[in-house]
Amino acid sequence: MGRPPSSNPKQNDIKVRVDDQTHERLQKYCEANGITKAEAIRKAIVEMLDK
């Protein structure tokens, strides 16, 4: 038995490089909000595209 299928599977992988300062800020944001870096980045992309 594994994880149940997702209703919105994430099949596309994106790799991006960031500088140390950006990475540290992202890490702190994620820790403060209890989310993963991937979740934070997905949220930022959606917010940017919805403008």
N, C-alpha and C. Protein backbone atom coordinates (compact mmCIF):
# COMPACT_ATOMS: atom_id res chain seq x y z
N MET A 1 0.84 -1.19 0.00
CA MET A 1 0.00 0.00 0.00
C MET A 1 0.87 1.24 0.00
N GLY A 2 0.54 2.13 -0.89
CA GLY A 2 1.29 3.38 -0.96
C GLY A 2 0.40 4.56 -0.70
N ARG A 3 0.88 5.67 -1.11
CA ARG A 3 0.14 6.92 -0.96
C ARG A 3 -1.04 6.93 -1.93
N PRO A 4 -2.21 7.44 -1.50
CA PRO A 4 -3.35 7.48 -2.43
C PRO A 4 -3.08 8.45 -3.57
N PRO A 5 -3.67 8.19 -4.75
CA PRO A 5 -3.42 9.07 -5.89
C PRO A 5 -3.88 10.50 -5.62
N SER A 6 -3.12 11.46 -6.12
CA SER A 6 -3.44 12.88 -5.95
C SER A 6 -4.47 13.30 -6.98
N SER A 7 -5.34 14.22 -6.60
CA SER A 7 -6.30 14.74 -7.57
C SER A 7 -5.64 15.75 -8.51
N ASN A 8 -4.46 16.22 -8.13
CA ASN A 8 -3.71 17.18 -8.95
C ASN A 8 -2.23 16.80 -8.90
N PRO A 9 -1.83 15.74 -9.62
CA PRO A 9 -0.44 15.28 -9.52
C PRO A 9 0.54 16.32 -10.07
N LYS A 10 1.69 16.40 -9.43
CA LYS A 10 2.74 17.32 -9.86
C LYS A 10 3.79 16.52 -10.61
N GLN A 11 3.71 16.54 -11.94
CA GLN A 11 4.59 15.71 -12.76
C GLN A 11 5.73 16.49 -13.42
N ASN A 12 5.67 17.80 -13.37
CA ASN A 12 6.69 18.62 -14.01
C ASN A 12 7.71 19.10 -12.99
N ASP A 13 8.97 18.92 -13.32
CA ASP A 13 10.07 19.27 -12.42
C ASP A 13 10.79 20.49 -12.97
N ILE A 14 11.02 21.48 -12.10
CA ILE A 14 11.73 22.69 -12.49
C ILE A 14 12.91 22.87 -11.53
N LYS A 15 14.09 23.08 -12.09
CA LYS A 15 15.27 23.32 -11.25
C LYS A 15 15.71 24.76 -11.43
N VAL A 16 15.95 25.43 -10.32
CA VAL A 16 16.39 26.83 -10.38
C VAL A 16 17.51 27.04 -9.37
N ARG A 17 18.41 27.90 -9.73
CA ARG A 17 19.52 28.25 -8.82
C ARG A 17 19.22 29.60 -8.19
N VAL A 18 19.52 29.72 -6.91
CA VAL A 18 19.35 30.99 -6.21
C VAL A 18 20.61 31.27 -5.40
N ASP A 19 20.82 32.55 -5.11
CA ASP A 19 21.99 32.91 -4.31
C ASP A 19 21.73 32.56 -2.84
N ASP A 20 22.77 32.63 -2.04
CA ASP A 20 22.68 32.24 -0.62
C ASP A 20 21.65 33.06 0.14
N GLN A 21 21.60 34.37 -0.13
CA GLN A 21 20.67 35.23 0.59
C GLN A 21 19.21 34.85 0.28
N THR A 22 18.91 34.60 -0.99
CA THR A 22 17.55 34.21 -1.37
C THR A 22 17.19 32.87 -0.76
N HIS A 23 18.11 31.94 -0.77
CA HIS A 23 17.87 30.62 -0.20
C HIS A 23 17.59 30.72 1.30
N GLU A 24 18.37 31.53 1.99
CA GLU A 24 18.18 31.72 3.43
C GLU A 24 16.82 32.36 3.73
N ARG A 25 16.44 33.34 2.94
CA ARG A 25 15.13 33.99 3.13
C ARG A 25 14.00 33.01 2.88
N LEU A 26 14.15 32.20 1.84
CA LEU A 26 13.13 31.19 1.54
C LEU A 26 13.03 30.17 2.66
N GLN A 27 14.17 29.72 3.16
CA GLN A 27 14.21 28.76 4.26
C GLN A 27 13.48 29.31 5.49
N LYS A 28 13.77 30.56 5.84
CA LYS A 28 13.14 31.18 7.01
C LYS A 28 11.63 31.33 6.80
N TYR A 29 11.23 31.71 5.59
CA TYR A 29 9.80 31.84 5.28
C TYR A 29 9.10 30.51 5.46
N CYS A 30 9.71 29.47 4.94
CA CYS A 30 9.11 28.13 5.03
C CYS A 30 9.00 27.65 6.47
N GLU A 31 10.04 27.87 7.24
CA GLU A 31 10.01 27.47 8.65
C GLU A 31 8.93 28.23 9.41
N ALA A 32 8.81 29.53 9.14
CA ALA A 32 7.82 30.36 9.83
C ALA A 32 6.40 29.99 9.46
N ASN A 33 6.21 29.48 8.23
CA ASN A 33 4.87 29.17 7.75
C ASN A 33 4.56 27.68 7.71
N GLY A 34 5.52 26.87 8.13
CA GLY A 34 5.31 25.42 8.20
C GLY A 34 5.04 24.77 6.85
N ILE A 35 5.74 25.24 5.81
CA ILE A 35 5.57 24.66 4.48
C ILE A 35 6.92 24.30 3.89
N THR A 36 6.90 23.49 2.85
CA THR A 36 8.15 23.12 2.18
C THR A 36 8.55 24.21 1.20
N LYS A 37 9.80 24.15 0.75
CA LYS A 37 10.26 25.11 -0.25
C LYS A 37 9.45 24.95 -1.53
N ALA A 38 9.15 23.73 -1.91
CA ALA A 38 8.36 23.49 -3.12
C ALA A 38 6.98 24.13 -3.01
N GLU A 39 6.35 23.98 -1.86
CA GLU A 39 5.03 24.59 -1.66
C GLU A 39 5.11 26.11 -1.75
N ALA A 40 6.12 26.70 -1.15
CA ALA A 40 6.28 28.16 -1.18
C ALA A 40 6.51 28.65 -2.60
N ILE A 41 7.31 27.93 -3.35
CA ILE A 41 7.60 28.33 -4.73
C ILE A 41 6.37 28.19 -5.60
N ARG A 42 5.61 27.08 -5.44
CA ARG A 42 4.37 26.92 -6.20
C ARG A 42 3.40 28.06 -5.89
N LYS A 43 3.28 28.41 -4.60
CA LYS A 43 2.39 29.49 -4.18
C LYS A 43 2.81 30.81 -4.83
N ALA A 44 4.11 31.09 -4.83
CA ALA A 44 4.61 32.34 -5.42
C ALA A 44 4.34 32.40 -6.91
N ILE A 45 4.50 31.27 -7.60
CA ILE A 45 4.24 31.23 -9.05
C ILE A 45 2.76 31.52 -9.32
N VAL A 46 1.87 30.87 -8.57
CA VAL A 46 0.43 31.08 -8.77
C VAL A 46 0.06 32.53 -8.50
N GLU A 47 0.58 33.10 -7.41
CA GLU A 47 0.28 34.50 -7.10
C GLU A 47 0.77 35.43 -8.20
N MET A 48 1.95 35.17 -8.73
CA MET A 48 2.50 36.01 -9.78
C MET A 48 1.66 35.90 -11.05
N LEU A 49 1.24 34.70 -11.42
CA LEU A 49 0.48 34.51 -12.64
C LEU A 49 -0.96 34.98 -12.53
N ASP A 50 -1.49 35.05 -11.32
CA ASP A 50 -2.86 35.50 -11.12
C ASP A 50 -3.01 37.02 -11.09
N LYS A 51 -1.90 37.75 -11.13
CA LYS A 51 -1.96 39.23 -11.09
C LYS A 51 -2.56 39.76 -12.37
